[in-house]
Protein backbone atom coordinates (compact mmCIF):
# COMPACT_ATOMS: atom_id res chain seq x y z
CA MET A 1 -70.47 42.78 -45.41
CA SER A 2 -74.07 43.51 -44.55
CA LYS A 3 -77.24 42.02 -46.01
CA GLY A 4 -80.75 43.39 -46.06
CA ILE A 5 -83.62 41.26 -44.79
CA LYS A 6 -87.37 41.78 -44.71
CA LEU A 7 -89.19 41.61 -41.40
CA GLU A 8 -92.85 41.84 -40.58
CA ASP A 9 -93.62 44.97 -38.57
CA GLN A 10 -94.45 42.93 -35.47
CA VAL A 11 -91.07 41.14 -35.59
CA TYR A 12 -89.23 44.43 -36.07
CA TYR A 13 -90.97 45.96 -33.05
CA GLN A 14 -90.23 42.90 -30.91
CA LEU A 15 -86.53 43.08 -31.82
CA GLU A 16 -86.56 46.81 -31.15
CA GLU A 17 -88.03 46.21 -27.67
CA ILE A 18 -85.23 43.85 -26.62
CA ARG A 19 -82.42 45.83 -28.28
CA GLY A 20 -80.01 47.53 -25.93
CA LYS A 21 -79.30 51.27 -26.20
CA ARG A 22 -76.10 50.83 -28.20
CA GLU A 23 -76.88 47.43 -29.65
CA THR A 24 -77.40 46.88 -33.36
CA PHE A 25 -80.12 44.65 -34.76
CA SER A 26 -77.33 42.30 -35.89
CA HIS A 27 -76.19 41.98 -32.29
CA VAL A 28 -79.75 41.27 -31.14
CA VAL A 29 -80.18 38.51 -33.72
CA GLU A 30 -76.74 37.10 -32.88
CA ARG A 31 -77.62 37.05 -29.17
CA LEU A 32 -80.96 35.33 -29.81
CA LEU A 33 -79.33 32.74 -32.07
CA ALA A 34 -76.75 31.96 -29.38
CA VAL A 35 -79.56 31.36 -26.88
CA MET A 36 -81.35 29.08 -29.37
CA VAL A 37 -78.18 27.04 -29.97
CA LYS A 38 -77.66 26.57 -26.22
CA ALA A 39 -81.33 25.66 -25.70
CA ASN A 40 -81.17 23.08 -28.50
CA GLU A 41 -77.98 21.60 -27.02
CA LEU A 42 -79.72 21.29 -23.65
CA ILE A 43 -82.79 19.69 -25.20
CA ASP A 44 -80.63 17.23 -27.14
CA ALA A 45 -78.71 16.33 -23.97
CA LEU A 46 -81.94 15.73 -22.06
CA VAL A 47 -83.47 13.65 -24.85
CA ASP A 48 -80.33 11.51 -25.17
CA ARG A 49 -80.07 10.95 -21.42
CA GLU A 50 -81.16 7.58 -20.12
CA PRO A 51 -83.82 7.53 -17.38
CA PRO A 52 -82.60 6.76 -13.86
CA ARG A 53 -82.44 3.04 -13.06
CA GLY A 54 -85.33 1.63 -11.10
CA GLU A 55 -87.59 4.57 -11.82
CA GLU A 56 -90.28 4.65 -14.43
CA VAL A 57 -90.36 7.89 -16.38
CA ASP A 58 -93.19 8.96 -18.67
CA HIS A 59 -92.03 10.28 -22.03
CA VAL A 60 -93.11 13.76 -22.98
């Protein structure tokens, strides 16, 4: 089942620029979401990690 969504022109053009020749907009969004999920997992892992012993680490 497909759903219609509204996009600002700028967002549409950005998606169009990164879309492959035979790739649908759904595939582009799916690919970007997968990257975001992985990035968030990495960020969570880094935040949860304890600093090395004996070294002082500044928090970001």
